[in-house]
PDB file of N, CA and C in Angstrom:
ATOM      1  N   MET A   1      -2.438  -5.307  -5.063  1.00  0.00           N
ATOM      2  CA  MET A   1      -3.166  -4.386  -4.237  1.00  0.00           C
ATOM      3  C   MET A   1      -4.405  -4.038  -5.242  1.00  0.00           C
ATOM      4  N   TYR A   2      -5.623  -4.068  -4.714  1.00  0.00           N
ATOM      5  CA  TYR A   2      -6.948  -3.899  -5.278  1.00  0.00           C
ATOM      6  C   TYR A   2      -7.150  -2.220  -5.822  1.00  0.00           C
ATOM      7  N   ASP A   3      -7.417  -1.758  -6.848  1.00  0.00           N
ATOM      8  CA  ASP A   3      -7.880  -0.574  -7.100  1.00  0.00           C
ATOM      9  C   ASP A   3      -9.370  -0.260  -7.578  1.00  0.00           C
ATOM     10  N   PRO A   4     -10.103  -0.082  -6.546  1.00  0.00           N
ATOM     11  CA  PRO A   4     -11.623   0.142  -6.819  1.00  0.00           C
ATOM     12  C   PRO A   4     -11.830   1.150  -7.856  1.00  0.00           C
ATOM     13  N   ARG A   5     -11.049   2.249  -8.195  1.00  0.00           N
ATOM     14  CA  ARG A   5     -11.339   3.151  -9.276  1.00  0.00           C
ATOM     15  C   ARG A   5     -11.555   2.450 -10.766  1.00  0.00           C
ATOM     16  N   CYS A   6     -10.727   1.526 -10.994  1.00  0.00           N
ATOM     17  CA  CYS A   6     -10.790   0.898 -12.146  1.00  0.00           C
ATOM     18  C   CYS A   6     -10.989  -0.674 -12.152  1.00  0.00           C
ATOM     19  N   ASP A   7     -11.565  -1.025 -10.938  1.00  0.00           N
ATOM     20  CA  ASP A   7     -11.765  -2.799 -10.834  1.00  0.00           C
ATOM     21  C   ASP A   7     -10.626  -3.543 -11.220  1.00  0.00           C
ATOM     22  N   THR A   8      -9.445  -3.007 -10.974  1.00  0.00           N
ATOM     23  CA  THR A   8      -8.040  -3.655 -11.076  1.00  0.00           C
ATOM     24  C   THR A   8      -7.626  -4.538  -9.699  1.00  0.00           C
ATOM     25  N   VAL A   9      -7.026  -5.733  -9.776  1.00  0.00           N
ATOM     26  CA  VAL A   9      -6.651  -6.328  -8.923  1.00  0.00           C
ATOM     27  C   VAL A   9      -5.221  -6.107  -8.674  1.00  0.00           C
ATOM     28  N   PHE A  10      -4.277  -5.883  -9.493  1.00  0.00           N
ATOM     29  CA  PHE A  10      -2.925  -5.738  -9.337  1.00  0.00           C
ATOM     30  C   PHE A  10      -2.505  -4.126  -9.827  1.00  0.00           C
ATOM     31  N   VAL A  11      -2.258  -3.314  -8.876  1.00  0.00           N
ATOM     32  CA  VAL A  11      -1.544  -2.005  -9.445  1.00  0.00           C
ATOM     33  C   VAL A  11       0.123  -2.144  -9.473  1.00  0.00           C
ATOM     34  N   GLU A  12       0.456  -1.692 -10.659  1.00  0.00           N
ATOM     35  CA  GLU A  12       1.757  -1.755 -10.937  1.00  0.00           C
ATOM     36  C   GLU A  12       2.484  -0.489 -10.067  1.00  0.00           C
ATOM     37  N   GLY A  13       3.497  -0.767  -9.344  1.00  0.00           N
ATOM     38  CA  GLY A  13       4.275   0.189  -8.800  1.00  0.00           C
ATOM     39  C   GLY A  13       3.717   0.413  -7.372  1.00  0.00           C
ATOM     40  N   ALA A  14       2.888  -0.404  -6.914  1.00  0.00           N
ATOM     41  CA  ALA A  14       2.413  -0.327  -5.449  1.00  0.00           C
ATOM     42  C   ALA A  14       3.484  -0.527  -4.294  1.00  0.00           C
ATOM     43  N   LEU A  15       3.376   0.285  -3.258  1.00  0.00           N
ATOM     44  CA  LEU A  15       4.421  -0.050  -2.150  1.00  0.00           C
ATOM     45  C   LEU A  15       3.706  -0.735  -1.155  1.00  0.00           C
ATOM     46  N   HIS A  16       4.420  -1.561  -0.539  1.00  0.00           N
ATOM     47  CA  HIS A  16       3.957  -2.458   0.640  1.00  0.00           C
ATOM     48  C   HIS A  16       4.836  -2.410   1.761  1.00  0.00           C
ATOM     49  N   PHE A  17       4.211  -2.204   2.989  1.00  0.00           N
ATOM     50  CA  PHE A  17       4.980  -2.257   4.084  1.00  0.00           C
ATOM     51  C   PHE A  17       4.328  -2.881   4.990  1.00  0.00           C
ATOM     52  N   ASP A  18       5.410  -3.895   5.704  1.00  0.00           N
ATOM     53  CA  ASP A  18       4.791  -5.103   6.842  1.00  0.00           C
ATOM     54  C   ASP A  18       5.224  -4.246   7.988  1.00  0.00           C
ATOM     55  N   ILE A  19       3.895  -3.996   8.869  1.00  0.00           N
ATOM     56  CA  ILE A  19       4.377  -3.563  10.168  1.00  0.00           C
ATOM     57  C   ILE A  19       3.974  -4.548  11.387  1.00  0.00           C
ATOM     58  N   SER A  20       4.783  -4.583  12.330  1.00  0.00           N
ATOM     59  CA  SER A  20       4.486  -5.545  13.510  1.00  0.00           C
ATOM     60  C   SER A  20       4.196  -4.679  14.762  1.00  0.00           C
ATOM     61  N   PHE A  21       3.237  -5.055  15.484  1.00  0.00           N
ATOM     62  CA  PHE A  21       2.952  -4.682  16.665  1.00  0.00           C
ATOM     63  C   PHE A  21       2.892  -6.061  17.518  1.00  0.00           C
ATOM     64  N   PRO A  22       2.787  -5.754  19.030  1.00  0.00           N
ATOM     65  CA  PRO A  22       2.765  -6.940  19.768  1.00  0.00           C
ATOM     66  C   PRO A  22       1.348  -7.666  19.449  1.00  0.00           C
ATOM     67  N   ASN A  23       1.431  -9.033  19.061  1.00  0.00           N
ATOM     68  CA  ASN A  23      -0.007  -9.734  19.008  1.00  0.00           C
ATOM     69  C   ASN A  23      -0.608  -9.318  17.536  1.00  0.00           C
ATOM     70  N   ARG A  24       0.056  -8.584  16.839  1.00  0.00           N
ATOM     71  CA  ARG A  24      -0.431  -7.990  15.455  1.00  0.00           C
ATOM     72  C   ARG A  24       0.037  -7.826  14.348  1.00  0.00           C
ATOM     73  N   ASN A  25       0.167  -8.213  13.091  1.00  0.00           N
ATOM     74  CA  ASN A  25       0.856  -7.752  12.084  1.00  0.00           C
ATOM     75  C   ASN A  25       0.143  -7.260  10.943  1.00  0.00           C
ATOM     76  N   ILE A  26       0.458  -6.227  10.393  1.00  0.00           N
ATOM     77  CA  ILE A  26      -0.444  -5.545   9.389  1.00  0.00           C
ATOM     78  C   ILE A  26       0.302  -5.076   8.045  1.00  0.00           C
ATOM     79  N   ARG A  27      -0.289  -4.988   6.952  1.00  0.00           N
ATOM     80  CA  ARG A  27       0.390  -4.795   5.530  1.00  0.00           C
ATOM     81  C   ARG A  27      -0.316  -3.398   5.236  1.00  0.00           C
ATOM     82  N   ILE A  28       0.508  -2.582   5.031  1.00  0.00           N
ATOM     83  CA  ILE A  28      -0.293  -1.166   4.367  1.00  0.00           C
ATOM     84  C   ILE A  28       0.286  -1.080   2.915  1.00  0.00           C
ATOM     85  N   ASN A  29      -0.615  -0.885   2.170  1.00  0.00           N
ATOM     86  CA  ASN A  29      -0.441  -0.808   0.710  1.00  0.00           C
ATOM     87  C   ASN A  29      -0.738   0.662   0.113  1.00  0.00           C
ATOM     88  N   VAL A  30       0.234   1.195  -0.487  1.00  0.00           N
ATOM     89  CA  VAL A  30       0.290   2.524  -0.976  1.00  0.00           C
ATOM     90  C   VAL A  30       0.311   2.773  -2.651  1.00  0.00           C
ATOM     91  N   ASP A  31      -0.933   3.252  -2.939  1.00  0.00           N
ATOM     92  CA  ASP A  31      -0.830   3.479  -4.527  1.00  0.00           C
ATOM     93  C   ASP A  31       0.153   4.220  -4.966  1.00  0.00           C
ATOM     94  N   PRO A  32       0.731   4.114  -6.092  1.00  0.00           N
ATOM     95  CA  PRO A  32       1.768   4.990  -6.667  1.00  0.00           C
ATOM     96  C   PRO A  32       1.312   6.217  -7.016  1.00  0.00           C
ATOM     97  N   ASP A  33       0.024   6.466  -7.029  1.00  0.00           N
ATOM     98  CA  ASP A  33      -0.436   7.916  -7.188  1.00  0.00           C
ATOM     99  C   ASP A  33      -0.131   8.818  -6.129  1.00  0.00           C
ATOM    100  N   VAL A  34      -0.146   8.366  -4.960  1.00  0.00           N
ATOM    101  CA  VAL A  34       0.341   9.296  -4.109  1.00  0.00           C
ATOM    102  C   VAL A  34       1.708   9.984  -4.025  1.00  0.00           C
ATOM    103  N   GLY A  35       2.400   9.742  -4.815  1.00  0.00           N
ATOM    104  CA  GLY A  35       3.874  10.375  -5.071  1.00  0.00           C
ATOM    105  C   GLY A  35       4.927   9.337  -4.188  1.00  0.00           C
ATOM    106  N   ASP A  36       5.598   9.807  -3.532  1.00  0.00           N
ATOM    107  CA  ASP A  36       6.816   9.062  -2.816  1.00  0.00           C
ATOM    108  C   ASP A  36       6.093   8.909  -1.398  1.00  0.00           C
ATOM    109  N   ALA A  37       5.526   7.743  -1.143  1.00  0.00           N
ATOM    110  CA  ALA A  37       4.952   7.480  -0.034  1.00  0.00           C
ATOM    111  C   ALA A  37       6.206   7.408   1.287  1.00  0.00           C
ATOM    112  N   ARG A  38       7.205   7.186   0.869  1.00  0.00           N
ATOM    113  CA  ARG A  38       8.174   6.964   2.044  1.00  0.00           C
ATOM    114  C   ARG A  38       8.576   8.426   2.582  1.00  0.00           C
ATOM    115  N   GLN A  39       8.179   9.407   1.954  1.00  0.00           N
ATOM    116  CA  GLN A  39       8.452  10.812   2.369  1.00  0.00           C
ATOM    117  C   GLN A  39       7.226  11.503   3.066  1.00  0.00           C
ATOM    118  N   ARG A  40       6.126  10.905   3.016  1.00  0.00           N
ATOM    119  CA  ARG A  40       4.927  11.314   3.606  1.00  0.00           C
ATOM    120  C   ARG A  40       4.629  10.900   4.953  1.00  0.00           C
ATOM    121  N   SER A  41       3.992  11.616   5.897  1.00  0.00           N
ATOM    122  CA  SER A  41       3.542  11.262   6.956  1.00  0.00           C
ATOM    123  C   SER A  41       2.273  11.395   7.490  1.00  0.00           C
TER     124      SER A  41
END
């Protein structure tokens, strides 16, 4: 995951979610600074 705040390519502890829709797959990357992303909506 790219972090533009410090021009870093890899962010330690980032969470990655792969989501599938009909005819489309996307990946959501969540920076660890947001806290526990699994509890956010």
